[in-house]
Protein backbone atom coordinates (compact mmCIF):
# COMPACT_ATOMS: atom_id res chain seq x y z
CA MET A 1 11.39 21.68 144.77
CA ARG A 2 10.59 23.36 141.42
CA ALA A 3 13.59 21.71 139.76
CA ARG A 4 12.33 18.23 140.98
CA CYS A 5 8.85 19.06 139.55
CA VAL A 6 10.31 19.96 136.16
CA VAL A 7 12.30 16.63 136.08
CA LEU A 8 9.23 14.59 137.03
CA LYS A 9 7.14 16.44 134.34
CA SER A 10 9.70 15.67 131.69
CA LEU A 11 10.11 12.00 132.55
CA LEU A 12 7.62 9.97 130.60
CA ARG A 13 8.59 6.37 131.43
CA PRO A 14 11.65 4.13 131.87
CA LEU A 15 12.49 1.92 128.86
CA THR A 16 15.30 -0.17 130.40
CA SER A 17 17.28 -0.15 133.55
CA LYS A 18 19.32 2.82 132.30
CA LEU A 19 17.30 4.34 129.43
CA VAL A 20 14.37 6.65 130.12
CA LEU A 21 11.93 8.32 127.70
CA LYS A 22 11.54 12.07 128.34
CA ARG A 23 10.13 15.23 126.90
CA ALA A 24 12.50 18.23 126.95
CA ALA A 25 11.84 20.80 129.67
CA SER A 26 14.92 23.00 129.80
CA SER A 27 17.67 24.55 127.67
CA LYS A 28 19.99 21.83 129.22
CA ASP A 29 17.70 19.14 127.62
CA LEU A 30 17.83 20.98 124.31
CA GLU A 31 21.69 21.09 124.35
CA ALA A 32 21.78 17.36 124.95
CA ILE A 33 19.40 16.81 122.05
CA LEU A 34 21.53 19.03 119.81
CA ALA A 35 24.59 17.00 120.72
CA CYS A 36 22.67 13.82 119.82
CA HIS A 37 21.62 15.04 116.49
CA ALA A 38 25.06 16.57 115.67
CA ALA A 39 26.71 13.25 116.44
CA ASN A 40 24.45 11.67 113.68
CA PHE A 41 24.16 14.44 111.05
CA GLY A 42 27.66 15.82 111.37
CA ALA A 43 29.16 19.23 111.69
CA ASP A 44 27.77 20.21 108.24
CA ASP A 45 24.32 20.50 109.70
CA LEU A 46 25.21 22.01 113.11
CA ALA A 47 24.10 25.60 112.38
CA GLY A 48 20.83 24.52 111.00
CA LEU A 49 20.21 22.08 113.77
CA ARG A 50 20.85 24.79 116.45
CA ALA A 51 18.53 27.23 114.69
CA HIS A 52 15.74 24.60 114.43
CA ILE A 53 16.01 23.67 118.14
CA PHE A 54 16.66 27.10 119.70
CA SER A 55 15.48 29.88 117.25
CA ARG A 56 12.57 28.70 115.26
CA PRO A 57 9.41 30.87 115.99
CA GLY A 58 6.87 29.08 118.05
CA GLN A 59 9.15 26.16 118.99
CA VAL A 60 9.10 25.13 122.60
CA PRO A 61 11.10 22.53 124.58
CA GLU A 62 8.02 20.28 125.03
CA ASN A 63 7.99 19.59 121.30
CA PHE A 64 11.20 17.48 121.65
CA ILE A 65 11.04 13.93 122.73
CA PHE A 66 14.25 12.05 123.66
CA VAL A 67 15.73 9.02 125.30
CA GLU A 68 18.34 9.70 127.97
CA ASP A 69 21.08 7.32 129.16
CA THR A 70 20.84 7.90 132.95
CA GLU A 71 24.43 6.57 133.43
CA THR A 72 26.03 9.10 131.08
CA GLY A 73 23.37 11.84 131.12
CA GLU A 74 23.47 11.93 127.27
CA ALA A 75 20.49 12.13 124.95
CA VAL A 76 20.92 9.03 122.81
CA SER A 77 17.87 9.33 120.50
CA SER A 78 15.35 12.08 119.72
CA VAL A 79 12.26 12.87 117.69
CA SER A 80 10.88 16.39 117.33
CA PHE A 81 7.35 17.69 116.70
CA LEU A 82 7.00 20.58 114.33
CA PRO A 83 3.44 22.15 114.31
CA GLN A 84 2.21 23.83 111.20
CA THR A 85 -0.96 24.49 109.11
CA TRP A 86 -1.85 23.10 105.66
CA THR A 87 -4.99 23.80 103.61
CA TYR A 88 -7.23 21.33 101.91
CA GLU A 89 -8.92 23.33 99.07
CA GLY A 90 -8.82 26.29 101.48
CA ILE A 91 -9.78 24.38 104.62
CA PRO A 92 -7.07 24.86 107.31
CA LEU A 93 -5.71 21.59 108.86
CA ASN A 94 -3.48 21.30 111.86
CA VAL A 95 -0.45 19.14 110.90
CA GLY A 96 2.44 17.87 112.80
CA GLU A 97 5.74 17.32 111.04
CA VAL A 98 8.33 14.88 112.31
CA GLY A 99 11.13 17.40 112.22
CA LEU A 100 14.33 15.68 113.43
CA VAL A 101 14.95 12.05 114.02
CA SER A 102 18.23 10.38 114.98
CA THR A 103 19.83 7.74 117.24
CA ARG A 104 23.43 7.45 118.31
CA PRO A 105 24.87 4.44 116.51
CA SER A 106 25.69 2.43 119.55
CA TYR A 107 22.01 2.61 120.72
CA ARG A 108 20.29 1.63 117.44
CA HIS A 109 18.20 -1.50 116.89
CA GLN A 110 16.62 -1.25 120.37
CA GLY A 111 13.24 0.09 119.34
CA LEU A 112 13.97 3.61 120.71
CA VAL A 113 12.47 5.44 117.74
CA ARG A 114 9.35 3.33 117.88
CA GLU A 115 8.84 4.24 121.53
CA GLN A 116 9.28 7.89 120.76
CA PHE A 117 6.88 7.77 117.76
CA GLN A 118 4.15 6.34 120.09
CA GLU A 119 4.69 9.47 122.30
CA TYR A 120 4.93 11.76 119.24
CA HIS A 121 1.58 10.54 117.89
CA ARG A 122 -0.05 11.06 121.28
CA LEU A 123 1.36 14.60 121.31
CA ALA A 124 0.05 15.23 117.75
CA LEU A 125 -3.37 14.09 118.81
CA GLU A 126 -3.30 16.30 121.91
CA ARG A 127 -2.40 19.28 119.70
CA GLY A 128 -5.39 18.62 117.48
CA CYS A 129 -3.34 17.47 114.45
CA LEU A 130 -5.30 15.69 111.72
CA LEU A 131 -2.21 14.66 109.68
CA SER A 132 1.42 13.87 110.53
CA ALA A 133 4.09 14.24 107.82
CA ILE A 134 7.78 13.54 107.42
CA ALA A 135 10.27 14.39 104.75
CA GLY A 136 12.38 11.48 105.70
CA ILE A 137 14.47 8.53 104.42
CA GLY A 138 12.93 5.86 102.24
CA TYR A 139 10.82 2.96 103.50
CA PHE A 140 11.73 3.21 107.20
CA TYR A 141 8.67 5.09 108.32
CA ARG A 142 6.20 2.79 106.88
CA GLN A 143 6.43 0.73 109.97
CA PHE A 144 4.96 3.59 111.86
CA GLY A 145 1.93 3.96 109.55
CA TYR A 146 3.33 6.43 107.00
CA GLU A 147 2.97 6.31 103.24
CA TYR A 148 4.08 8.52 100.34
CA CYS A 149 1.04 10.69 99.67
CA LEU A 150 2.24 14.08 98.35
CA PRO A 151 5.02 15.06 95.91
CA MET A 152 8.32 16.58 97.07
CA GLY A 153 11.08 17.90 94.80
CA GLY A 154 11.12 16.71 91.26
CA GLY A 155 10.81 19.31 88.50
CA ARG A 156 13.46 20.04 85.81
CA ARG A 157 17.29 19.87 85.80
CA LEU A 158 19.37 22.11 83.50
CA ARG A 159 23.03 22.32 82.58
CA PRO A 160 24.47 25.85 82.14
CA GLU A 161 24.85 25.49 78.38
CA GLN A 162 21.10 24.79 78.04
CA ILE A 163 20.25 28.29 79.49
CA PRO A 164 20.76 30.89 76.66
CA GLU A 165 22.51 34.22 77.34
CA LEU A 166 21.16 37.44 75.98
CA LYS A 167 22.10 38.31 72.45
CA GLU A 168 24.97 40.76 71.96
CA GLY A 169 23.68 44.30 72.64
CA GLU A 170 20.37 43.04 74.16
CA VAL A 171 19.34 44.43 77.53
CA SER A 172 16.80 42.47 79.63
CA PRO A 173 14.06 44.64 81.29
CA TYR A 174 13.94 42.02 84.13
CA ARG A 175 16.01 41.90 87.20
CA LEU A 176 16.08 40.01 90.56
CA ARG A 177 16.67 41.69 93.90
CA ARG A 178 16.78 40.28 97.37
CA ALA A 179 13.41 40.54 99.11
CA GLN A 180 13.15 42.90 102.09
CA ALA A 181 10.90 42.87 105.13
CA GLN A 182 8.42 45.35 103.54
CA ASP A 183 7.95 42.94 100.65
CA MET A 184 6.19 40.34 102.81
CA PRO A 185 2.57 41.27 101.94
CA LEU A 186 3.64 41.13 98.25
CA LEU A 187 5.33 37.75 98.74
CA GLN A 188 2.27 36.32 100.40
CA ARG A 189 0.07 37.37 97.52
CA TYR A 190 2.49 35.78 95.04
CA TYR A 191 2.63 32.60 97.08
CA ALA A 192 -1.12 32.52 97.19
CA GLU A 193 -1.16 32.56 93.38
CA LEU A 194 1.51 29.75 93.33
CA VAL A 195 -0.72 27.38 95.36
CA LYS A 196 -4.12 28.55 94.00
CA GLY A 197 -6.17 25.63 92.74
CA LEU A 198 -4.16 23.00 94.46
CA CYS A 199 -5.77 20.31 96.60
CA VAL A 200 -3.27 20.40 99.48
CA SER A 201 -0.78 23.15 100.23
CA SER A 202 1.00 24.63 103.15
CA ILE A 203 0.77 28.05 104.94
CA ILE A 204 4.06 29.84 105.40
CA PRO A 205 3.55 32.46 108.19
CA ASP A 206 5.49 35.71 107.86
CA GLU A 207 7.66 34.85 110.87
CA ILE A 208 8.64 31.46 109.49
CA TRP A 209 9.47 32.92 106.07
CA ARG A 210 11.82 35.49 107.76
CA TYR A 211 13.25 32.74 109.93
CA GLN A 212 14.14 30.57 106.92
CA ASP A 213 15.70 33.52 105.11
CA THR A 214 17.78 34.66 108.01
CA GLN A 215 19.30 31.40 109.25
CA PRO A 216 23.09 31.36 109.64
CA GLU A 217 25.15 31.43 106.43
CA ASP A 218 26.42 27.89 107.03
CA SER A 219 22.90 26.40 107.63
CA VAL A 220 21.90 23.88 105.00
CA ASP A 221 18.27 24.86 105.55
CA ARG A 222 18.69 28.63 104.76
CA LYS A 223 16.67 29.99 101.94
CA ALA A 224 17.05 33.12 99.82
CA THR A 225 14.03 35.02 98.45
CA TYR A 226 14.21 37.29 95.43
CA ILE A 227 11.63 39.66 93.93
CA VAL A 228 11.42 39.48 90.09
CA GLU A 229 10.90 42.95 88.60
CA ARG A 230 10.22 44.24 85.08
CA GLU A 231 11.54 47.74 84.65
CA GLY A 232 11.32 48.23 88.40
CA ILE A 233 7.82 46.85 88.79
CA PRO A 234 7.38 43.62 90.76
CA LEU A 235 5.81 40.75 88.95
CA GLY A 236 6.70 37.64 90.86
CA TYR A 237 9.23 35.93 93.19
CA VAL A 238 11.61 33.05 93.35
CA ARG A 239 13.14 31.22 96.30
CA LEU A 240 16.39 29.28 96.31
CA MET A 241 18.21 27.13 98.82
CA GLY A 242 20.87 29.49 100.16
CA ARG A 243 23.60 26.80 100.36
CA GLU A 244 24.64 23.85 98.34
CA THR A 245 24.99 20.43 99.96
CA THR A 246 27.26 17.97 98.12
CA HIS A 247 26.81 14.69 100.11
CA ASP A 248 23.96 13.72 97.78
CA ASP A 249 22.55 14.64 94.37
CA PHE A 250 19.46 16.20 95.96
CA GLY A 251 21.20 19.30 97.30
CA LYS A 252 23.72 19.89 94.51
CA GLY A 253 23.88 23.02 92.37
CA VAL A 254 21.34 25.82 92.58
CA ARG A 255 17.91 24.53 93.68
CA ILE A 256 14.80 26.68 93.12
CA VAL A 257 12.16 25.50 95.65
CA GLU A 258 9.41 28.13 95.20
CA ALA A 259 8.59 30.34 92.17
CA PHE A 260 5.70 32.51 90.95
CA VAL A 261 7.04 34.00 87.67
CA PRO A 262 4.07 34.35 85.22
CA GLN A 263 6.01 35.62 82.11
CA TYR A 264 8.18 33.35 79.89
CA LYS A 265 11.00 36.05 79.39
CA ALA A 266 11.05 36.65 83.15
CA CYS A 267 11.53 32.96 83.63
CA LEU A 268 14.47 33.02 81.28
CA GLU A 269 16.03 35.77 83.39
CA VAL A 270 15.45 33.70 86.57
CA LEU A 271 17.27 30.81 84.96
CA ARG A 272 20.11 33.03 83.74
CA PHE A 273 20.45 34.38 87.33
CA ALA A 274 20.51 30.82 88.75
CA LYS A 275 23.04 29.83 86.06
CA ARG A 276 25.45 32.62 87.07
CA LEU A 277 25.08 31.60 90.73
CA ALA A 278 25.84 28.05 89.86
CA LEU A 279 28.94 28.87 87.85
CA GLU A 280 30.34 31.34 90.40
CA GLU A 281 29.30 29.94 93.75
CA ARG A 282 28.47 26.24 93.43
CA GLN A 283 30.63 23.17 93.11
CA GLU A 284 28.00 21.48 90.90
CA HIS A 285 27.17 23.61 87.84
CA ILE A 286 23.55 22.65 87.56
CA VAL A 287 20.29 24.49 87.99
CA LYS A 288 17.21 22.66 89.36
CA VAL A 289 13.60 23.81 89.34
CA ALA A 290 12.65 21.52 92.24
CA ILE A 291 8.94 22.08 91.99
CA ALA A 292 6.75 19.30 90.62
CA LEU A 293 4.09 21.55 89.32
CA ASP A 294 3.10 22.70 85.84
CA ILE A 295 4.17 26.28 86.32
CA PRO A 296 5.74 28.70 83.79
CA LEU A 297 9.25 28.26 85.19
CA ASN A 298 9.06 24.46 84.64
CA GLN A 299 7.56 25.06 81.22
CA ALA A 300 10.42 27.28 80.28
CA ALA A 301 12.92 24.70 81.58
CA GLU A 302 11.26 22.03 79.53
CA MET A 303 11.46 24.21 76.42
CA LEU A 304 15.20 24.51 76.99
CA GLY A 305 15.56 20.71 77.16
CA GLY A 306 15.61 20.35 80.96
CA GLU A 307 15.64 16.80 82.13
CA TRP A 308 12.57 15.78 84.20
CA GLN A 309 13.42 14.73 87.77
CA ARG A 310 11.02 12.21 89.37
CA PRO A 311 9.67 13.64 92.65
CA TYR A 312 10.29 12.09 96.00
CA GLY A 313 7.42 12.34 98.44
CA TRP A 314 6.02 13.50 101.69
CA GLN A 315 5.25 10.56 103.89
CA ILE A 316 1.89 11.03 105.58
CA ARG A 317 -0.12 9.38 108.36
CA VAL A 318 -3.75 10.36 109.00
CA ILE A 319 -3.89 10.66 112.80
CA ASP A 320 -7.67 10.12 113.03
CA PRO A 321 -9.50 9.20 109.78
CA LEU A 322 -12.90 10.14 111.13
CA ARG A 323 -11.92 13.64 112.23
CA PHE A 324 -10.02 14.22 108.98
CA LEU A 325 -12.91 13.23 106.72
CA ALA A 326 -15.28 15.43 108.82
CA ALA A 327 -12.84 18.32 108.54
CA ILE A 328 -12.73 18.20 104.71
CA GLY A 329 -16.47 17.92 104.52
CA PRO A 330 -17.01 21.41 102.96
CA ALA A 331 -14.64 20.38 100.05
CA LEU A 332 -16.57 17.09 99.54
CA GLU A 333 -19.80 19.06 99.48
CA ARG A 334 -18.46 21.42 96.82
CA ARG A 335 -17.37 18.49 94.68
CA LEU A 336 -20.85 17.03 94.96
CA GLU A 337 -22.50 20.37 94.13
CA ALA A 338 -20.41 20.64 90.88
CA SER A 339 -21.29 17.04 89.82
CA PRO A 340 -24.40 15.37 88.43
CA LEU A 341 -25.00 14.09 92.01
CA THR A 342 -25.78 17.53 93.41
CA GLY A 343 -28.26 17.29 96.26
CA LEU A 344 -27.34 13.59 96.97
CA SER A 345 -28.84 11.94 100.03
CA ARG A 346 -27.08 8.59 100.78
CA ASP A 347 -24.23 7.08 102.77
CA LEU A 348 -20.74 6.16 101.55
CA THR A 349 -19.30 3.49 103.76
CA ILE A 350 -15.57 2.86 103.83
CA SER A 351 -13.65 -0.09 105.25
CA LEU A 352 -9.97 0.37 106.15
CA HIS A 353 -9.78 -3.34 107.05
CA THR A 354 -8.93 -2.36 110.68
CA GLU A 355 -12.03 0.02 111.10
CA ALA A 356 -14.99 1.11 109.16
CA LEU A 357 -16.56 4.62 108.63
CA ALA A 358 -19.77 6.01 107.17
CA LEU A 359 -20.08 9.39 105.49
CA HIS A 360 -23.75 10.47 105.84
CA PHE A 361 -24.84 12.91 102.99
CA VAL A 362 -28.17 14.66 103.33
CA GLN A 363 -29.25 16.78 100.34
CA GLY A 364 -25.60 17.22 99.35
CA HIS A 365 -24.38 18.12 102.77
CA LEU A 366 -22.12 15.95 104.93
CA GLY A 367 -24.22 15.53 108.01
CA SER A 368 -21.79 13.39 109.95
CA VAL A 369 -19.02 10.86 109.85
CA GLU A 370 -19.46 7.88 112.14
CA ARG A 371 -17.56 4.69 112.96
CA LEU A 372 -19.28 1.40 112.04
CA ALA A 373 -19.42 -1.89 113.77
CA GLU A 374 -16.59 -4.32 113.00
CA GLY A 375 -17.52 -6.64 110.05
CA THR A 376 -19.86 -4.11 108.36
CA ARG A 377 -20.02 -4.64 104.60
CA CYS A 378 -18.90 -1.38 102.99
CA ASP A 379 -19.19 0.32 99.63
CA LEU A 380 -15.45 0.96 99.44
CA THR A 381 -12.53 -1.03 100.86
CA LEU A 382 -9.09 0.37 101.18
CA PRO A 383 -5.87 -0.62 102.97
CA PRO A 384 -5.13 1.92 105.67
CA ASN A 385 -1.83 2.90 104.15
CA ALA A 386 -3.46 3.53 100.68
CA ALA A 387 -6.45 5.58 101.94
CA PRO A 388 -4.61 8.86 102.42
CA MET A 389 -3.31 8.70 98.82
CA LEU A 390 -6.95 8.79 97.72
CA TRP A 391 -8.24 11.26 100.23
CA LEU A 392 -5.36 13.73 99.49
CA GLY A 393 -5.81 13.47 95.70
CA HIS A 394 -2.42 11.89 95.14
CA ARG A 395 -3.80 8.80 93.45
CA SER A 396 -7.10 7.92 91.82
CA LEU A 397 -9.22 4.99 92.84
CA ASN A 398 -8.44 3.22 89.53
CA GLU A 399 -4.70 3.40 90.28
CA LEU A 400 -5.24 2.07 93.79
CA MET A 401 -7.39 -0.80 92.54
CA GLN A 402 -4.67 -1.71 90.06
CA TRP A 403 -1.88 -1.63 92.64
CA TYR A 404 -3.61 -3.11 95.71
CA PRO A 405 -5.70 -6.28 95.37
CA ASP A 406 -7.29 -5.49 98.71
CA THR A 407 -8.89 -2.31 97.32
CA TRP A 408 -12.28 -2.67 95.75
CA CYS A 409 -15.73 -1.08 95.34
CA ARG A 410 -19.00 -2.78 96.01
CA ASN A 411 -20.71 -1.59 92.81
CA ALA A 412 -20.48 0.94 89.99
CA GLU A 413 -22.60 3.53 91.88
CA ALA A 414 -20.18 3.49 94.85
CA LYS A 415 -17.20 3.89 92.47
CA TYR A 416 -18.80 6.72 90.69
CA LEU A 417 -19.47 8.58 93.95
CA THR A 418 -15.97 7.87 95.21
CA ASP A 419 -14.45 9.29 92.02
CA ILE A 420 -16.45 12.52 92.44
CA LEU A 421 -15.62 12.89 96.21
CA PHE A 422 -11.92 12.00 95.86
CA PRO A 423 -10.59 12.97 92.37
CA LYS A 424 -6.87 12.92 91.58
CA ARG A 425 -5.59 16.53 92.15
CA PRO A 426 -2.22 18.33 92.16
CA SER A 427 -0.78 19.36 95.50
CA TRP A 428 2.39 21.03 96.71
CA ILE A 429 3.87 21.43 100.20
CA CYS A 430 6.45 24.14 100.66
CA SER A 431 8.58 23.17 103.62
CA VAL A 432 8.34 25.35 106.75
CA PHE A 433 11.41 23.47 108.33
């Protein structure tokens, strides 16, 4: 009887005469989902896929949505939900990441991913998520309401000959050592320094950090964390991808994905370390500082002639604009307080073409955010896909007005207020995948 209840709970709805939409409820379901993803991503990713599905801290079967062929018993398509926490100027936000998406080739072009995304968005809403994010392929996810809103990758690319060795007889006071479990409080302090002052950043819990660093050797998602020391005294850290992937340019060579290294000479030692690793253990002899932030390591790479790499981007969907704007209210209030409009009492009305919202400010405080009646004339009009770019600080209002003819402000006063509330700001999301 219990087995039948589990089956009924996992079954969401039939899609065709033989395809059913389900949510995983057992290890058997997870094995079927693993086989589906492995059939699409190939054996190169198998260890990482298994770790993500079975070993990631906090992951539960219910976070995996899939389509089953009832005639074969196979999972033929799947989408996973990866809960995490980001911060918006220090305000914690529940975020869902679309972790894994794939469909067996013979089942494509039947709308299976669309059906699963509808269920995924319901799940994200149930879990209290304000944003959904995906580090996915280009263009495809726009059809589900996603837009590029935060940078990913980018940074500087160096060839080995651009990274200078020490002069003959010179001894560097700096060295890198693998981080140990007891270093976690220190690493979290360094990470806080790395993301300090950013608009949007991610929180990496200790258990996720350890999970990422201890994945199987052949996992493409494994990371390696090093403490940077000067004469035995820690001063920063650097994090590399533990394994090279050669099927595209993105994963080739040594890729540095996190770094807090405040001293220039220490940055040079980090780059020399990465150079040796590239020459000895990588097929592609290049070093990438894959962090699109103005940090000392990127500055050092630039001084050495490193080629700038244009960032890709996190694709974001705001699950509920009203709840999101209400959640970031304290940040909006701080921006008002620091501006000539401190103590402001007025509304800012925003049309997203498909809905309209009002931000009610009273003496500089966001009293409430409310939905407005359809057809209300608003101060600010934004396409729904462009609004998150403004709200997350990725693009300025001027940029959006240049790019989108259906973005406009009612008057100069509304534009001035919008520029104060939603300035263009740097952000960086360190993946917790």
